[in-house]
Structures are given as structure tokens and as C-alpha cells.
């Protein structure tokens, strides 16, 4: 991704992703027709790190799904909610 194509808000996010190790920066220098030097800055995605971190997230979700008992949701509902509802068919 060419850096000068980014909006400032997006660039801030890219810097955060760089701090997390998800992105790297590179720069290329070239000479323009008039003799001036021009630098192009690139952002490179570290796919190995992105995939590894994504897999960690998937594993956390899998672990959470196996640890939680779905019926626990009913224990979180306050008693007054249960009693405020009428019997089925009323």
C-alpha cells in the first residue's frame, strides 16, 4: 500500500498496526526526469503474523464456546422479568 494514498486517520491506524507487528514499512528512492530524488513509502502486510493472530482469535472463540453452557443465559435474567411475563397461552 502506498503511504501517500492514505488519509491521516487511516495512516494512524497503520502506525498502530505496525506497533502490533502486523505491518512493515519500506521505502524506495527514484530519480525524476528533472534530476530530483523522489521517495515512495510503502506499507507491507506481514501475512504470517496476521494469520497467526487470527488463528489465536479463532481458538479463543472455540474455547469460549466449549466452556460456556448456553443455559447460563437464563440465570442472568432477573427474577422480576420471569414473573412479569404471564403464563404461556394467557
N, C-alpha and C. Protein backbone atom coordinates (compact mmCIF):
# COMPACT_ATOMS: atom_id res chain seq x y z
N UNK A 1 0.86 -1.17 0.00
CA UNK A 1 0.00 0.00 0.00
C UNK A 1 0.91 1.22 0.00
N UNK A 2 0.65 2.13 -0.90
CA UNK A 2 1.46 3.34 -1.00
C UNK A 2 0.99 4.33 0.07
N UNK A 3 1.93 4.80 0.87
CA UNK A 3 1.61 5.63 2.03
C UNK A 3 0.89 6.92 1.67
N UNK A 4 1.29 7.58 0.59
CA UNK A 4 0.68 8.89 0.31
C UNK A 4 -0.75 8.78 -0.20
N UNK A 5 -1.25 7.56 -0.37
CA UNK A 5 -2.65 7.37 -0.76
C UNK A 5 -3.57 7.29 0.47
N UNK A 6 -2.98 7.22 1.65
CA UNK A 6 -3.76 7.07 2.88
C UNK A 6 -4.24 8.41 3.41
N UNK A 7 -5.43 8.39 3.99
CA UNK A 7 -5.93 9.54 4.74
C UNK A 7 -5.23 9.54 6.10
N UNK A 8 -5.12 10.70 6.75
CA UNK A 8 -4.43 10.75 8.04
C UNK A 8 -4.98 9.76 9.08
N UNK A 9 -6.31 9.59 9.11
CA UNK A 9 -6.90 8.66 10.09
C UNK A 9 -6.47 7.23 9.79
N UNK A 10 -6.44 6.89 8.50
CA UNK A 10 -6.01 5.55 8.11
C UNK A 10 -4.54 5.33 8.43
N UNK A 11 -3.72 6.35 8.19
CA UNK A 11 -2.29 6.25 8.48
C UNK A 11 -2.08 6.01 9.98
N UNK A 12 -2.87 6.68 10.81
CA UNK A 12 -2.76 6.46 12.26
C UNK A 12 -3.02 5.00 12.60
N UNK A 13 -4.02 4.42 11.97
CA UNK A 13 -4.34 3.00 12.20
C UNK A 13 -3.20 2.12 11.72
N UNK A 14 -2.61 2.48 10.58
CA UNK A 14 -1.48 1.70 10.07
C UNK A 14 -0.30 1.76 11.04
N UNK A 15 -0.05 2.91 11.65
CA UNK A 15 1.02 3.01 12.64
C UNK A 15 0.73 2.12 13.85
N UNK A 16 -0.52 2.07 14.26
CA UNK A 16 -0.89 1.17 15.37
C UNK A 16 -0.66 -0.28 14.97
N UNK A 17 -1.04 -0.62 13.74
CA UNK A 17 -0.84 -1.99 13.27
C UNK A 17 0.65 -2.32 13.15
N UNK A 18 1.45 -1.32 12.81
CA UNK A 18 2.91 -1.52 12.77
C UNK A 18 3.43 -1.81 14.18
N UNK A 19 2.94 -1.05 15.16
CA UNK A 19 3.34 -1.28 16.55
C UNK A 19 2.96 -2.68 17.02
N UNK A 20 1.86 -3.21 16.50
CA UNK A 20 1.41 -4.56 16.85
C UNK A 20 2.18 -5.64 16.10
N UNK A 21 3.01 -5.22 15.14
CA UNK A 21 3.79 -6.18 14.36
C UNK A 21 3.08 -6.72 13.14
N UNK A 22 1.93 -6.14 12.79
CA UNK A 22 1.16 -6.63 11.65
C UNK A 22 1.62 -6.04 10.32
N UNK A 23 2.27 -4.88 10.36
CA UNK A 23 2.72 -4.20 9.14
C UNK A 23 4.20 -3.83 9.25
N UNK A 24 4.83 -3.71 8.09
CA UNK A 24 6.19 -3.20 7.98
C UNK A 24 6.17 -2.03 7.01
N UNK A 25 7.18 -1.18 7.10
CA UNK A 25 7.31 -0.10 6.13
C UNK A 25 8.56 -0.31 5.30
N UNK A 26 8.48 0.10 4.06
CA UNK A 26 9.64 0.10 3.17
C UNK A 26 9.62 1.40 2.39
N UNK A 27 10.78 1.74 1.86
CA UNK A 27 10.86 2.96 1.08
C UNK A 27 11.70 2.70 -0.16
N UNK A 28 11.32 3.34 -1.21
CA UNK A 28 12.01 3.21 -2.50
C UNK A 28 12.38 4.62 -2.95
N UNK A 29 13.59 4.77 -3.45
CA UNK A 29 14.02 6.07 -3.96
C UNK A 29 14.22 5.96 -5.46
N UNK A 30 13.77 6.99 -6.16
CA UNK A 30 13.92 7.02 -7.62
C UNK A 30 14.28 8.44 -8.04
N UNK A 31 14.87 8.55 -9.18
CA UNK A 31 15.24 9.86 -9.71
C UNK A 31 14.21 10.28 -10.76
N UNK A 32 13.67 11.47 -10.58
CA UNK A 32 12.70 12.01 -11.53
C UNK A 32 13.41 12.51 -12.78
N UNK A 33 12.65 12.79 -13.83
CA UNK A 33 13.22 13.25 -15.10
C UNK A 33 14.03 14.53 -14.95
N UNK A 34 13.62 15.36 -14.00
CA UNK A 34 14.34 16.63 -13.81
C UNK A 34 15.54 16.50 -12.88
N UNK A 35 15.84 15.29 -12.45
CA UNK A 35 17.02 15.05 -11.63
C UNK A 35 16.75 15.01 -10.13
N UNK A 36 15.56 15.36 -9.70
CA UNK A 36 15.25 15.32 -8.26
C UNK A 36 15.05 13.88 -7.79
N UNK A 37 15.39 13.67 -6.52
CA UNK A 37 15.15 12.36 -5.91
C UNK A 37 13.72 12.33 -5.37
N UNK A 38 13.07 11.21 -5.51
CA UNK A 38 11.70 11.04 -5.04
C UNK A 38 11.64 9.77 -4.20
N UNK A 39 11.03 9.88 -3.03
CA UNK A 39 10.89 8.71 -2.15
C UNK A 39 9.45 8.26 -2.14
N UNK A 40 9.28 6.95 -2.23
CA UNK A 40 7.95 6.36 -2.15
C UNK A 40 7.96 5.44 -0.93
N UNK A 41 7.02 5.67 -0.03
CA UNK A 41 6.91 4.86 1.18
C UNK A 41 5.77 3.86 1.02
N UNK A 42 6.04 2.62 1.39
CA UNK A 42 5.07 1.53 1.27
C UNK A 42 4.78 0.92 2.63
N UNK A 43 3.58 0.40 2.77
CA UNK A 43 3.20 -0.42 3.91
C UNK A 43 3.07 -1.85 3.42
N UNK A 44 3.70 -2.78 4.11
CA UNK A 44 3.64 -4.19 3.75
C UNK A 44 2.98 -4.98 4.87
N UNK A 45 2.02 -5.80 4.51
CA UNK A 45 1.34 -6.63 5.49
C UNK A 45 2.18 -7.87 5.79
N UNK A 46 2.35 -8.16 7.05
CA UNK A 46 3.05 -9.38 7.47
C UNK A 46 2.00 -10.48 7.60
N UNK A 47 1.72 -11.13 6.48
CA UNK A 47 0.64 -12.11 6.43
C UNK A 47 0.82 -13.23 7.44
N UNK A 48 2.06 -13.66 7.66
CA UNK A 48 2.29 -14.74 8.62
C UNK A 48 1.82 -14.34 10.01
N UNK A 49 2.10 -13.10 10.40
CA UNK A 49 1.69 -12.62 11.72
C UNK A 49 0.18 -12.43 11.77
N UNK A 50 -0.39 -11.88 10.71
CA UNK A 50 -1.85 -11.67 10.65
C UNK A 50 -2.57 -13.00 10.78
N UNK A 51 -2.14 -14.01 10.01
CA UNK A 51 -2.79 -15.33 10.07
C UNK A 51 -2.61 -15.98 11.44
N UNK A 52 -1.42 -15.83 12.03
CA UNK A 52 -1.18 -16.41 13.35
C UNK A 52 -2.08 -15.76 14.40
N UNK A 53 -2.19 -14.44 14.37
CA UNK A 53 -3.04 -13.73 15.33
C UNK A 53 -4.51 -14.05 15.10
N UNK A 54 -4.91 -14.18 13.84
CA UNK A 54 -6.30 -14.54 13.54
C UNK A 54 -6.61 -15.93 14.08
N UNK A 55 -5.68 -16.86 13.94
CA UNK A 55 -5.90 -18.22 14.44
C UNK A 55 -6.01 -18.21 15.97
N UNK A 56 -5.23 -17.37 16.63
CA UNK A 56 -5.35 -17.25 18.09
C UNK A 56 -6.76 -16.79 18.46
N UNK A 57 -7.29 -15.82 17.72
CA UNK A 57 -8.64 -15.33 17.99
C UNK A 57 -9.68 -16.40 17.78
N UNK A 58 -9.53 -17.19 16.72
CA UNK A 58 -10.46 -18.28 16.45
C UNK A 58 -10.40 -19.31 17.57
N UNK A 59 -9.20 -19.60 18.05
CA UNK A 59 -9.04 -20.58 19.13
C UNK A 59 -9.70 -20.07 20.41
N UNK A 60 -9.58 -18.79 20.69
CA UNK A 60 -10.24 -18.22 21.88
C UNK A 60 -11.75 -18.37 21.76
N UNK A 61 -12.29 -18.10 20.58
CA UNK A 61 -13.74 -18.24 20.37
C UNK A 61 -14.15 -19.69 20.53
N UNK A 62 -13.38 -20.61 19.97
CA UNK A 62 -13.70 -22.04 20.11
C UNK A 62 -13.69 -22.45 21.58
N UNK A 63 -12.67 -22.01 22.30
CA UNK A 63 -12.55 -22.36 23.72
C UNK A 63 -13.73 -21.79 24.50
N UNK A 64 -14.09 -20.55 24.19
CA UNK A 64 -15.21 -19.91 24.88
C UNK A 64 -16.51 -20.66 24.61
N UNK A 65 -16.70 -21.09 23.36
CA UNK A 65 -17.91 -21.82 23.01
C UNK A 65 -18.01 -23.14 23.76
N UNK A 66 -16.89 -23.82 23.97
CA UNK A 66 -16.93 -25.11 24.65
C UNK A 66 -17.03 -24.94 26.16
N UNK A 67 -16.57 -23.82 26.69
CA UNK A 67 -16.59 -23.62 28.14
C UNK A 67 -17.95 -23.14 28.63
N UNK A 68 -18.67 -22.39 27.81
CA UNK A 68 -19.93 -21.81 28.26
C UNK A 68 -21.09 -22.77 28.05
N UNK A 69 -21.92 -22.83 29.06
CA UNK A 69 -23.15 -23.61 28.97
C UNK A 69 -24.24 -22.65 28.48
N UNK A 70 -24.84 -22.93 27.34
CA UNK A 70 -25.85 -21.99 26.79
C UNK A 70 -27.00 -21.71 27.74
N UNK A 71 -27.32 -22.65 28.61
CA UNK A 71 -28.44 -22.42 29.53
C UNK A 71 -28.11 -21.38 30.59
N UNK A 72 -26.84 -21.00 30.73
CA UNK A 72 -26.43 -19.99 31.70
C UNK A 72 -27.09 -18.65 31.42
N UNK A 73 -27.46 -18.40 30.18
CA UNK A 73 -28.07 -17.13 29.84
C UNK A 73 -29.36 -16.90 30.64
N UNK A 74 -30.07 -17.98 30.93
CA UNK A 74 -31.33 -17.85 31.68
C UNK A 74 -31.08 -17.46 33.13
N UNK A 75 -29.93 -17.85 33.68
CA UNK A 75 -29.62 -17.49 35.06
C UNK A 75 -29.30 -16.01 35.20
N UNK A 76 -28.93 -15.37 34.08
CA UNK A 76 -28.60 -13.95 34.12
C UNK A 76 -29.84 -13.06 34.04
N UNK A 77 -30.98 -13.64 33.70
CA UNK A 77 -32.22 -12.86 33.60
C UNK A 77 -32.80 -12.68 35.00
N UNK A 78 -33.05 -11.44 35.42
CA UNK A 78 -33.57 -11.19 36.77
C UNK A 78 -34.94 -11.84 36.98
N UNK A 79 -35.21 -12.22 38.24
CA UNK A 79 -36.48 -12.87 38.59
C UNK A 79 -37.69 -12.03 38.21
N UNK A 80 -37.60 -10.70 38.37
CA UNK A 80 -38.76 -9.87 38.07
C UNK A 80 -39.15 -9.95 36.60
N UNK A 81 -38.22 -10.24 35.74
CA UNK A 81 -38.55 -10.41 34.32
C UNK A 81 -39.36 -11.68 34.13
N UNK A 82 -38.95 -12.74 34.82
CA UNK A 82 -39.67 -14.01 34.71
C UNK A 82 -41.10 -13.86 35.22
N UNK A 83 -41.25 -13.16 36.35
CA UNK A 83 -42.57 -13.04 36.96
C UNK A 83 -43.44 -12.00 36.27
N UNK A 84 -42.83 -11.09 35.50
CA UNK A 84 -43.63 -10.07 34.82
C UNK A 84 -44.31 -10.64 33.57
N UNK A 85 -43.84 -11.77 33.12
CA UNK A 85 -44.45 -12.43 31.96
C UNK A 85 -45.55 -13.35 32.44
N UNK A 86 -46.63 -13.40 31.72
CA UNK A 86 -47.72 -14.29 32.08
C UNK A 86 -47.42 -15.72 31.66
N UNK A 87 -48.30 -16.60 32.01
CA UNK A 87 -48.17 -17.99 31.58
C UNK A 87 -48.36 -18.07 30.07
N UNK A 88 -47.79 -19.07 29.47
CA UNK A 88 -47.95 -19.27 28.03
C UNK A 88 -49.42 -19.51 27.75
N UNK A 89 -49.96 -18.84 26.76
CA UNK A 89 -51.36 -19.00 26.38
C UNK A 89 -52.29 -18.02 27.07
N UNK A 90 -51.81 -17.17 27.94
CA UNK A 90 -52.68 -16.19 28.62
C UNK A 90 -53.01 -15.05 27.72
